[in-house]
């Protein structure tokens, strides 16, 4: 949230930015082709209203295993 120094339970601004650094040794599939290929976020554990993050996905240069 806002920067890489955020810790769980910390405070954020009223309009926070979510930062996510992903890594999977088997690779990250975010093609949006078929069920289960979305990168999802849950706000307040609300699984009924997931937020799809695929449009924000940016793979690391020359890597299928890491993204931000």
PDB file of N, CA and C in Angstrom:
ATOM      1  N   UNK A   1       0.836  -1.161   0.000  1.00  0.00           N
ATOM      2  CA  UNK A   1       0.000   0.000   0.000  1.00  0.00           C
ATOM      3  C   UNK A   1       0.894   1.242   0.000  1.00  0.00           C
ATOM      4  N   UNK A   2       0.853   1.957  -1.070  1.00  0.00           N
ATOM      5  CA  UNK A   2       1.556   3.226  -1.253  1.00  0.00           C
ATOM      6  C   UNK A   2       3.060   3.082  -1.491  1.00  0.00           C
ATOM      7  N   UNK A   3       3.748   2.216  -0.747  1.00  0.00           N
ATOM      8  CA  UNK A   3       5.179   2.010  -0.980  1.00  0.00           C
ATOM      9  C   UNK A   3       5.593   0.642  -0.448  1.00  0.00           C
ATOM     10  N   UNK A   4       6.817   0.265  -0.674  1.00  0.00           N
ATOM     11  CA  UNK A   4       7.283  -1.073  -0.288  1.00  0.00           C
ATOM     12  C   UNK A   4       7.548  -1.209   1.210  1.00  0.00           C
ATOM     13  N   UNK A   5       7.405  -0.138   1.979  1.00  0.00           N
ATOM     14  CA  UNK A   5       7.654  -0.197   3.417  1.00  0.00           C
ATOM     15  C   UNK A   5       6.391  -0.468   4.231  1.00  0.00           C
ATOM     16  N   UNK A   6       5.247  -0.614   3.560  1.00  0.00           N
ATOM     17  CA  UNK A   6       3.983  -0.862   4.264  1.00  0.00           C
ATOM     18  C   UNK A   6       4.039  -2.193   5.002  1.00  0.00           C
ATOM     19  N   UNK A   7       3.508  -2.214   6.218  1.00  0.00           N
ATOM     20  CA  UNK A   7       3.398  -3.456   6.976  1.00  0.00           C
ATOM     21  C   UNK A   7       1.925  -3.703   7.291  1.00  0.00           C
ATOM     22  N   UNK A   8       1.558  -4.949   7.433  1.00  0.00           N
ATOM     23  CA  UNK A   8       0.178  -5.314   7.716  1.00  0.00           C
ATOM     24  C   UNK A   8      -0.326  -4.570   8.944  1.00  0.00           C
ATOM     25  N   UNK A   9      -1.498  -3.967   8.820  1.00  0.00           N
ATOM     26  CA  UNK A   9      -2.074  -3.203   9.917  1.00  0.00           C
ATOM     27  C   UNK A   9      -1.649  -1.751   9.915  1.00  0.00           C
ATOM     28  N   UNK A  10      -0.756  -1.386   8.987  1.00  0.00           N
ATOM     29  CA  UNK A  10      -0.280  -0.013   8.913  1.00  0.00           C
ATOM     30  C   UNK A  10      -1.328   0.936   8.359  1.00  0.00           C
ATOM     31  N   UNK A  11      -1.053   2.215   8.441  1.00  0.00           N
ATOM     32  CA  UNK A  11      -1.971   3.232   7.944  1.00  0.00           C
ATOM     33  C   UNK A  11      -1.661   3.551   6.484  1.00  0.00           C
ATOM     34  N   UNK A  12      -2.702   3.929   5.768  1.00  0.00           N
ATOM     35  CA  UNK A  12      -2.551   4.352   4.378  1.00  0.00           C
ATOM     36  C   UNK A  12      -3.203   5.710   4.205  1.00  0.00           C
ATOM     37  N   UNK A  13      -3.017   6.281   3.026  1.00  0.00           N
ATOM     38  CA  UNK A  13      -3.716   7.523   2.712  1.00  0.00           C
ATOM     39  C   UNK A  13      -5.179   7.189   2.430  1.00  0.00           C
ATOM     40  N   UNK A  14      -5.994   8.196   2.180  1.00  0.00           N
ATOM     41  CA  UNK A  14      -7.406   7.946   1.883  1.00  0.00           C
ATOM     42  C   UNK A  14      -7.599   7.370   0.484  1.00  0.00           C
ATOM     43  N   UNK A  15      -6.566   7.432  -0.349  1.00  0.00           N
ATOM     44  CA  UNK A  15      -6.616   6.897  -1.716  1.00  0.00           C
ATOM     45  C   UNK A  15      -5.355   6.059  -1.958  1.00  0.00           C
ATOM     46  N   UNK A  16      -5.230   4.898  -1.279  1.00  0.00           N
ATOM     47  CA  UNK A  16      -3.990   4.117  -1.334  1.00  0.00           C
ATOM     48  C   UNK A  16      -3.771   3.432  -2.682  1.00  0.00           C
ATOM     49  N   UNK A  17      -2.517   3.134  -2.959  1.00  0.00           N
ATOM     50  CA  UNK A  17      -2.110   2.399  -4.157  1.00  0.00           C
ATOM     51  C   UNK A  17      -1.642   1.020  -3.713  1.00  0.00           C
ATOM     52  N   UNK A  18      -2.179  -0.027  -4.361  1.00  0.00           N
ATOM     53  CA  UNK A  18      -1.768  -1.391  -4.053  1.00  0.00           C
ATOM     54  C   UNK A  18      -0.540  -1.735  -4.882  1.00  0.00           C
ATOM     55  N   UNK A  19       0.518  -2.179  -4.225  1.00  0.00           N
ATOM     56  CA  UNK A  19       1.725  -2.652  -4.899  1.00  0.00           C
ATOM     57  C   UNK A  19       1.802  -4.156  -4.701  1.00  0.00           C
ATOM     58  N   UNK A  20       1.985  -4.889  -5.788  1.00  0.00           N
ATOM     59  CA  UNK A  20       2.096  -6.347  -5.681  1.00  0.00           C
ATOM     60  C   UNK A  20       3.263  -6.808  -6.534  1.00  0.00           C
ATOM     61  N   UNK A  21       4.146  -7.602  -5.952  1.00  0.00           N
ATOM     62  CA  UNK A  21       5.281  -8.176  -6.661  1.00  0.00           C
ATOM     63  C   UNK A  21       5.072  -9.680  -6.658  1.00  0.00           C
ATOM     64  N   UNK A  22       4.870 -10.254  -7.837  1.00  0.00           N
ATOM     65  CA  UNK A  22       4.513 -11.660  -7.967  1.00  0.00           C
ATOM     66  C   UNK A  22       5.687 -12.481  -8.466  1.00  0.00           C
ATOM     67  N   UNK A  23       5.779 -13.720  -7.979  1.00  0.00           N
ATOM     68  CA  UNK A  23       6.805 -14.631  -8.463  1.00  0.00           C
ATOM     69  C   UNK A  23       6.298 -16.053  -8.320  1.00  0.00           C
ATOM     70  N   UNK A  24       6.465 -16.850  -9.369  1.00  0.00           N
ATOM     71  CA  UNK A  24       6.076 -18.253  -9.350  1.00  0.00           C
ATOM     72  C   UNK A  24       7.082 -19.011 -10.215  1.00  0.00           C
ATOM     73  N   UNK A  25       7.781 -19.959  -9.638  1.00  0.00           N
ATOM     74  CA  UNK A  25       8.811 -20.688 -10.388  1.00  0.00           C
ATOM     75  C   UNK A  25       8.223 -21.455 -11.565  1.00  0.00           C
ATOM     76  N   UNK A  26       6.923 -21.767 -11.516  1.00  0.00           N
ATOM     77  CA  UNK A  26       6.264 -22.462 -12.625  1.00  0.00           C
ATOM     78  C   UNK A  26       5.752 -21.515 -13.702  1.00  0.00           C
ATOM     79  N   UNK A  27       5.841 -20.232 -13.453  1.00  0.00           N
ATOM     80  CA  UNK A  27       5.369 -19.238 -14.413  1.00  0.00           C
ATOM     81  C   UNK A  27       4.042 -18.641 -13.987  1.00  0.00           C
ATOM     82  N   UNK A  28       3.734 -17.475 -14.544  1.00  0.00           N
ATOM     83  CA  UNK A  28       2.494 -16.765 -14.242  1.00  0.00           C
ATOM     84  C   UNK A  28       1.672 -16.703 -15.519  1.00  0.00           C
ATOM     85  N   UNK A  29       0.469 -17.239 -15.475  1.00  0.00           N
ATOM     86  CA  UNK A  29      -0.420 -17.228 -16.632  1.00  0.00           C
ATOM     87  C   UNK A  29      -1.535 -16.233 -16.361  1.00  0.00           C
ATOM     88  N   UNK A  30      -1.491 -15.097 -17.022  1.00  0.00           N
ATOM     89  CA  UNK A  30      -2.517 -14.069 -16.850  1.00  0.00           C
ATOM     90  C   UNK A  30      -3.144 -13.738 -18.196  1.00  0.00           C
ATOM     91  N   UNK A  31      -3.385 -14.754 -18.998  1.00  0.00           N
ATOM     92  CA  UNK A  31      -3.883 -14.545 -20.357  1.00  0.00           C
ATOM     93  C   UNK A  31      -5.354 -14.176 -20.413  1.00  0.00           C
ATOM     94  N   UNK A  32      -6.095 -14.406 -19.316  1.00  0.00           N
ATOM     95  CA  UNK A  32      -7.532 -14.151 -19.287  1.00  0.00           C
ATOM     96  C   UNK A  32      -8.302 -15.091 -20.203  1.00  0.00           C
ATOM     97  N   UNK A  33      -7.666 -16.184 -20.628  1.00  0.00           N
ATOM     98  CA  UNK A  33      -8.323 -17.162 -21.493  1.00  0.00           C
ATOM     99  C   UNK A  33      -8.766 -18.339 -20.645  1.00  0.00           C
ATOM    100  N   UNK A  34     -10.031 -18.410 -20.315  1.00  0.00           N
ATOM    101  CA  UNK A  34     -10.550 -19.519 -19.531  1.00  0.00           C
ATOM    102  C   UNK A  34     -10.646 -19.195 -18.057  1.00  0.00           C
ATOM    103  N   UNK A  35     -11.364 -20.049 -17.378  1.00  0.00           N
ATOM    104  CA  UNK A  35     -11.594 -19.877 -15.944  1.00  0.00           C
ATOM    105  C   UNK A  35     -10.305 -20.153 -15.180  1.00  0.00           C
ATOM    106  N   UNK A  36     -10.024 -19.323 -14.212  1.00  0.00           N
ATOM    107  CA  UNK A  36      -8.877 -19.534 -13.342  1.00  0.00           C
ATOM    108  C   UNK A  36      -7.596 -18.870 -13.810  1.00  0.00           C
ATOM    109  N   UNK A  37      -7.669 -18.023 -14.824  1.00  0.00           N
ATOM    110  CA  UNK A  37      -6.469 -17.345 -15.302  1.00  0.00           C
ATOM    111  C   UNK A  37      -6.525 -15.852 -15.027  1.00  0.00           C
ATOM    112  N   UNK A  38      -7.219 -15.482 -13.970  1.00  0.00           N
ATOM    113  CA  UNK A  38      -7.259 -14.091 -13.561  1.00  0.00           C
ATOM    114  C   UNK A  38      -6.371 -13.900 -12.340  1.00  0.00           C
ATOM    115  N   UNK A  39      -5.836 -12.719 -12.211  1.00  0.00           N
ATOM    116  CA  UNK A  39      -5.140 -12.337 -10.995  1.00  0.00           C
ATOM    117  C   UNK A  39      -6.158 -11.526 -10.203  1.00  0.00           C
ATOM    118  N   UNK A  40      -6.535 -12.036  -9.037  1.00  0.00           N
ATOM    119  CA  UNK A  40      -7.618 -11.449  -8.264  1.00  0.00           C
ATOM    120  C   UNK A  40      -7.124 -10.863  -6.953  1.00  0.00           C
ATOM    121  N   UNK A  41      -7.810  -9.821  -6.513  1.00  0.00           N
ATOM    122  CA  UNK A  41      -7.596  -9.252  -5.189  1.00  0.00           C
ATOM    123  C   UNK A  41      -8.933  -9.271  -4.464  1.00  0.00           C
ATOM    124  N   UNK A  42      -8.885  -9.511  -3.164  1.00  0.00           N
ATOM    125  CA  UNK A  42     -10.086  -9.457  -2.338  1.00  0.00           C
ATOM    126  C   UNK A  42      -9.920  -8.330  -1.345  1.00  0.00           C
ATOM    127  N   UNK A  43     -10.919  -7.484  -1.251  1.00  0.00           N
ATOM    128  CA  UNK A  43     -10.907  -6.394  -0.289  1.00  0.00           C
ATOM    129  C   UNK A  43     -11.758  -6.806   0.900  1.00  0.00           C
ATOM    130  N   UNK A  44     -11.192  -6.769   2.081  1.00  0.00           N
ATOM    131  CA  UNK A  44     -11.882  -7.169   3.310  1.00  0.00           C
ATOM    132  C   UNK A  44     -12.425  -8.596   3.240  1.00  0.00           C
ATOM    133  N   UNK A  45     -11.675  -9.505   2.597  1.00  0.00           N
ATOM    134  CA  UNK A  45     -12.054 -10.920   2.481  1.00  0.00           C
ATOM    135  C   UNK A  45     -13.414 -11.128   1.805  1.00  0.00           C
ATOM    136  N   UNK A  46     -13.815 -10.210   0.939  1.00  0.00           N
ATOM    137  CA  UNK A  46     -15.115 -10.293   0.257  1.00  0.00           C
ATOM    138  C   UNK A  46     -14.962 -11.073  -1.046  1.00  0.00           C
ATOM    139  N   UNK A  47     -15.051 -12.409  -0.961  1.00  0.00           N
ATOM    140  CA  UNK A  47     -14.865 -13.268  -2.125  1.00  0.00           C
ATOM    141  C   UNK A  47     -16.006 -13.142  -3.137  1.00  0.00           C
ATOM    142  N   UNK A  48     -17.116 -12.582  -2.726  1.00  0.00           N
ATOM    143  CA  UNK A  48     -18.247 -12.399  -3.637  1.00  0.00           C
ATOM    144  C   UNK A  48     -18.003 -11.258  -4.629  1.00  0.00           C
ATOM    145  N   UNK A  49     -17.033 -10.384  -4.318  1.00  0.00           N
ATOM    146  CA  UNK A  49     -16.752  -9.237  -5.175  1.00  0.00           C
ATOM    147  C   UNK A  49     -15.239  -9.107  -5.427  1.00  0.00           C
ATOM    148  N   UNK A  50     -14.644 -10.083  -6.123  1.00  0.00           N
ATOM    149  CA  UNK A  50     -13.202  -9.998  -6.383  1.00  0.00           C
ATOM    150  C   UNK A  50     -12.883  -8.863  -7.354  1.00  0.00           C
ATOM    151  N   UNK A  51     -11.677  -8.356  -7.246  1.00  0.00           N
ATOM    152  CA  UNK A  51     -11.196  -7.304  -8.150  1.00  0.00           C
ATOM    153  C   UNK A  51     -10.204  -7.957  -9.093  1.00  0.00           C
ATOM    154  N   UNK A  52     -10.477  -7.910 -10.396  1.00  0.00           N
ATOM    155  CA  UNK A  52      -9.595  -8.519 -11.393  1.00  0.00           C
ATOM    156  C   UNK A  52      -8.472  -7.537 -11.713  1.00  0.00           C
ATOM    157  N   UNK A  53      -7.229  -7.994 -11.552  1.00  0.00           N
ATOM    158  CA  UNK A  53      -6.056  -7.132 -11.702  1.00  0.00           C
ATOM    159  C   UNK A  53      -5.297  -7.351 -13.009  1.00  0.00           C
ATOM    160  N   UNK A  54      -5.788  -8.225 -13.882  1.00  0.00           N
ATOM    161  CA  UNK A  54      -5.052  -8.564 -15.101  1.00  0.00           C
ATOM    162  C   UNK A  54      -4.653  -7.341 -15.927  1.00  0.00           C
ATOM    163  N   UNK A  55      -5.503  -6.328 -16.009  1.00  0.00           N
ATOM    164  CA  UNK A  55      -5.188  -5.145 -16.813  1.00  0.00           C
ATOM    165  C   UNK A  55      -3.994  -4.367 -16.270  1.00  0.00           C
ATOM    166  N   UNK A  56      -3.646  -4.593 -15.004  1.00  0.00           N
ATOM    167  CA  UNK A  56      -2.527  -3.891 -14.379  1.00  0.00           C
ATOM    168  C   UNK A  56      -1.249  -4.724 -14.361  1.00  0.00           C
ATOM    169  N   UNK A  57      -1.339  -5.972 -14.785  1.00  0.00           N
ATOM    170  CA  UNK A  57      -0.227  -6.929 -14.777  1.00  0.00           C
ATOM    171  C   UNK A  57       0.892  -6.468 -15.715  1.00  0.00           C
ATOM    172  N   UNK A  58       2.109  -6.412 -15.203  1.00  0.00           N
ATOM    173  CA  UNK A  58       3.282  -6.061 -16.002  1.00  0.00           C
ATOM    174  C   UNK A  58       4.372  -7.092 -15.734  1.00  0.00           C
ATOM    175  N   UNK A  59       4.630  -7.987 -16.710  1.00  0.00           N
ATOM    176  CA  UNK A  59       5.683  -8.983 -16.484  1.00  0.00           C
ATOM    177  C   UNK A  59       7.056  -8.317 -16.397  1.00  0.00           C
ATOM    178  N   UNK A  60       7.920  -8.886 -15.574  1.00  0.00           N
ATOM    179  CA  UNK A  60       9.301  -8.397 -15.505  1.00  0.00           C
ATOM    180  C   UNK A  60       9.991  -8.702 -16.833  1.00  0.00           C
ATOM    181  N   UNK A  61      10.915  -7.878 -17.204  1.00  0.00           N
ATOM    182  CA  UNK A  61      11.634  -8.015 -18.471  1.00  0.00           C
ATOM    183  C   UNK A  61      12.259  -9.392 -18.583  1.00  0.00           C
ATOM    184  N   UNK A  62      12.006 -10.068 -19.677  1.00  0.00           N
ATOM    185  CA  UNK A  62      12.589 -11.380 -19.996  1.00  0.00           C
ATOM    186  C   UNK A  62      12.274 -12.454 -18.940  1.00  0.00           C
ATOM    187  N   UNK A  63      11.093 -12.382 -18.339  1.00  0.00           N
ATOM    188  CA  UNK A  63      10.732 -13.375 -17.326  1.00  0.00           C
ATOM    189  C   UNK A  63       9.266 -13.755 -17.450  1.00  0.00           C
ATOM    190  N   UNK A  64       8.984 -15.055 -17.413  1.00  0.00           N
ATOM    191  CA  UNK A  64       7.612 -15.538 -17.336  1.00  0.00           C
ATOM    192  C   UNK A  64       7.263 -15.900 -15.894  1.00  0.00           C
ATOM    193  N   UNK A  65       8.225 -15.710 -14.978  1.00  0.00           N
ATOM    194  CA  UNK A  65       8.051 -16.139 -13.601  1.00  0.00           C
ATOM    195  C   UNK A  65       7.830 -14.994 -12.618  1.00  0.00           C
ATOM    196  N   UNK A  66       7.992 -13.756 -13.064  1.00  0.00           N
ATOM    197  CA  UNK A  66       7.882 -12.633 -12.142  1.00  0.00           C
ATOM    198  C   UNK A  66       7.178 -11.460 -12.818  1.00  0.00           C
ATOM    199  N   UNK A  67       6.448 -10.712 -11.994  1.00  0.00           N
ATOM    200  CA  UNK A  67       5.702  -9.564 -12.511  1.00  0.00           C
ATOM    201  C   UNK A  67       5.427  -8.589 -11.381  1.00  0.00           C
ATOM    202  N   UNK A  68       4.863  -7.474 -11.785  1.00  0.00           N
ATOM    203  CA  UNK A  68       4.436  -6.458 -10.798  1.00  0.00           C
ATOM    204  C   UNK A  68       3.128  -5.885 -11.223  1.00  0.00           C
TER     205      UNK A  68
END
